[in-house]
């Protein structure tokens, strides 16, 4: 997971679209497309969760802003993913009970290598299960939100 390119970190909100530099690697949003890009993960302590996801899971910290009093938005991206997670406070639209999210899937090429990397970083990961030719290993964040490492051997 660690040899993937690191996306840039953004911590300031641009005042105007003209301040945003062109990114030739950015995914183009085509008419009719619905790109899943951000999943809220409910946590009780944003700083603890941010440390877990960055230091133990290897997620990239993209954004950590407080755009208004009482509001904080932290965006983190798993290695190689186009979809990120967000940890928030002060946004009623994203409120859920901490630890209530289940079975977010992280698709990996080599499940045993991914397991060992996470275990080496201090994450408790289950043994790998073969569920009919698709392989899974499970872990949870400090609040109890659960994640699945998923390996489908036929995917390139």
Protein backbone atom coordinates (compact mmCIF):
# COMPACT_ATOMS: atom_id res chain seq x y z
CA UNK A 1 0.00 0.00 0.00
CA UNK A 2 2.84 2.42 0.73
CA UNK A 3 4.35 2.70 -2.78
CA UNK A 4 1.34 4.52 -4.26
CA UNK A 5 1.61 8.21 -5.17
CA UNK A 6 0.64 10.57 -2.38
CA UNK A 7 -2.10 13.05 -3.25
CA UNK A 8 -1.53 16.69 -2.29
CA UNK A 9 -2.72 17.90 1.10
CA UNK A 10 -5.22 20.74 1.08
CA UNK A 11 -6.03 22.53 4.31
CA UNK A 12 -7.31 25.87 3.07
CA UNK A 13 -10.64 26.53 1.39
CA UNK A 14 -10.16 28.67 -1.75
CA UNK A 15 -12.07 31.94 -1.77
CA UNK A 16 -12.57 31.72 -5.52
CA UNK A 17 -12.45 28.91 -8.10
CA UNK A 18 -9.67 30.78 -9.91
CA UNK A 19 -7.37 30.03 -6.93
CA UNK A 20 -7.62 26.28 -7.55
CA UNK A 21 -4.69 25.03 -9.64
CA UNK A 22 -5.40 22.74 -12.59
CA UNK A 23 -4.91 19.05 -11.75
CA UNK A 24 -4.43 17.00 -14.92
CA UNK A 25 -4.81 13.78 -12.89
CA UNK A 26 -8.25 14.76 -11.55
CA UNK A 27 -11.15 12.55 -12.58
CA UNK A 28 -13.44 14.26 -15.07
CA UNK A 29 -17.08 14.34 -13.99
CA UNK A 30 -19.01 13.46 -17.13
CA UNK A 31 -22.70 14.26 -17.64
CA UNK A 32 -24.85 11.54 -16.10
CA UNK A 33 -22.06 10.31 -13.77
CA UNK A 34 -22.57 9.88 -10.04
CA UNK A 35 -19.12 9.63 -8.48
CA UNK A 36 -19.03 8.32 -4.94
CA UNK A 37 -16.26 10.40 -3.40
CA UNK A 38 -16.90 10.91 0.31
CA UNK A 39 -18.30 8.70 3.04
CA UNK A 40 -18.99 10.14 6.51
CA UNK A 41 -17.60 7.94 9.29
CA UNK A 42 -19.17 8.63 12.70
CA UNK A 43 -16.59 8.95 15.47
CA UNK A 44 -16.58 10.28 19.02
CA UNK A 45 -13.08 11.82 18.93
CA UNK A 46 -11.88 13.25 15.61
CA UNK A 47 -8.23 13.55 16.66
CA UNK A 48 -8.07 9.93 17.88
CA UNK A 49 -9.80 8.70 14.70
CA UNK A 50 -7.53 10.81 12.48
CA UNK A 51 -4.46 9.27 14.17
CA UNK A 52 -5.89 5.76 13.71
CA UNK A 53 -6.69 6.22 10.03
CA UNK A 54 -3.46 8.03 9.12
CA UNK A 55 -0.88 6.39 11.39
CA UNK A 56 -2.29 2.86 11.60
CA UNK A 57 -4.26 2.46 8.37
CA UNK A 58 -2.04 4.59 6.13
CA UNK A 59 -4.82 6.91 4.89
CA UNK A 60 -3.67 10.24 3.45
CA UNK A 61 -4.82 13.37 5.33
CA UNK A 62 -6.37 15.56 2.61
CA UNK A 63 -8.23 18.23 4.55
CA UNK A 64 -8.51 19.37 8.17
CA UNK A 65 -10.50 22.59 8.34
CA UNK A 66 -12.80 24.47 10.68
CA UNK A 67 -14.78 26.66 8.27
CA UNK A 68 -17.14 27.97 10.98
CA UNK A 69 -17.37 28.05 14.77
CA UNK A 70 -18.03 24.55 16.09
CA UNK A 71 -17.51 22.90 12.69
CA UNK A 72 -14.57 20.65 11.82
CA UNK A 73 -14.12 18.59 8.68
CA UNK A 74 -11.32 16.06 8.27
CA UNK A 75 -11.04 14.23 4.96
CA UNK A 76 -8.82 11.15 4.62
CA UNK A 77 -8.17 8.94 1.59
CA UNK A 78 -7.17 5.25 1.62
CA UNK A 79 -4.05 4.49 -0.45
CA UNK A 80 -4.92 4.37 -4.16
CA UNK A 81 -8.60 5.20 -3.64
CA UNK A 82 -10.71 7.79 -5.43
CA UNK A 83 -13.21 7.72 -2.55
CA UNK A 84 -12.38 9.36 0.77
CA UNK A 85 -13.88 9.34 4.24
CA UNK A 86 -14.79 12.35 6.32
CA UNK A 87 -14.79 12.80 10.07
CA UNK A 88 -16.94 15.76 11.08
CA UNK A 89 -18.36 17.66 13.97
CA UNK A 90 -20.90 20.47 13.93
CA UNK A 91 -22.66 19.34 10.74
CA UNK A 92 -26.14 18.04 11.62
CA UNK A 93 -26.57 16.49 8.15
CA UNK A 94 -23.72 14.04 8.83
CA UNK A 95 -24.57 13.11 12.43
CA UNK A 96 -24.83 9.39 13.20
CA UNK A 97 -24.14 7.43 16.37
CA UNK A 98 -20.38 6.89 16.76
CA UNK A 99 -19.32 3.46 15.64
CA UNK A 100 -22.53 2.71 13.71
CA UNK A 101 -21.02 2.30 10.25
CA UNK A 102 -20.57 -1.32 9.13
CA UNK A 103 -18.55 -3.18 6.52
CA UNK A 104 -16.92 -0.48 4.45
CA UNK A 105 -14.92 -2.41 1.85
CA UNK A 106 -11.31 -1.78 0.93
CA UNK A 107 -10.50 -3.82 -2.17
CA UNK A 108 -6.90 -5.08 -2.15
CA UNK A 109 -4.71 -7.02 -4.58
CA UNK A 110 -3.04 -9.19 -1.92
CA UNK A 111 -5.15 -9.66 1.19
CA UNK A 112 -2.40 -11.31 3.25
CA UNK A 113 0.06 -8.51 2.49
CA UNK A 114 -2.60 -5.91 3.36
CA UNK A 115 -3.45 -7.77 6.59
CA UNK A 116 0.21 -7.95 7.60
CA UNK A 117 0.77 -4.26 6.86
CA UNK A 118 -2.17 -3.26 9.06
CA UNK A 119 -1.20 -5.71 11.80
CA UNK A 120 2.34 -4.33 11.68
CA UNK A 121 0.87 -0.86 12.27
CA UNK A 122 -1.02 -2.10 15.33
CA UNK A 123 -4.47 -2.76 13.83
CA UNK A 124 -6.29 -5.89 15.01
CA UNK A 125 -7.32 -7.69 11.81
CA UNK A 126 -9.24 -10.97 11.67
CA UNK A 127 -7.99 -14.07 9.92
CA UNK A 128 -8.84 -14.20 6.22
CA UNK A 129 -12.14 -15.87 5.35
CA UNK A 130 -12.98 -17.46 2.00
CA UNK A 131 -16.62 -16.65 1.31
CA UNK A 132 -17.18 -18.52 -1.93
CA UNK A 133 -14.06 -17.40 -3.77
CA UNK A 134 -14.07 -13.84 -2.42
CA UNK A 135 -11.72 -13.32 0.52
CA UNK A 136 -12.32 -11.05 3.51
CA UNK A 137 -10.49 -9.90 6.62
CA UNK A 138 -12.17 -7.57 9.11
CA UNK A 139 -11.06 -4.76 11.41
CA UNK A 140 -12.63 -1.90 13.36
CA UNK A 141 -11.67 1.66 14.22
CA UNK A 142 -11.52 2.80 17.87
CA UNK A 143 -15.25 3.63 17.83
CA UNK A 144 -16.31 0.26 16.40
CA UNK A 145 -16.96 1.24 12.77
CA UNK A 146 -16.10 -1.91 10.83
CA UNK A 147 -14.07 -2.36 7.68
CA UNK A 148 -13.48 -5.28 5.35
CA UNK A 149 -10.36 -5.96 3.36
CA UNK A 150 -11.74 -7.67 0.26
CA UNK A 151 -9.84 -9.62 -2.36
CA UNK A 152 -11.45 -10.86 -5.56
CA UNK A 153 -8.81 -13.01 -7.31
CA UNK A 154 -10.20 -12.38 -10.81
CA UNK A 155 -9.78 -8.57 -10.57
CA UNK A 156 -6.65 -7.19 -12.18
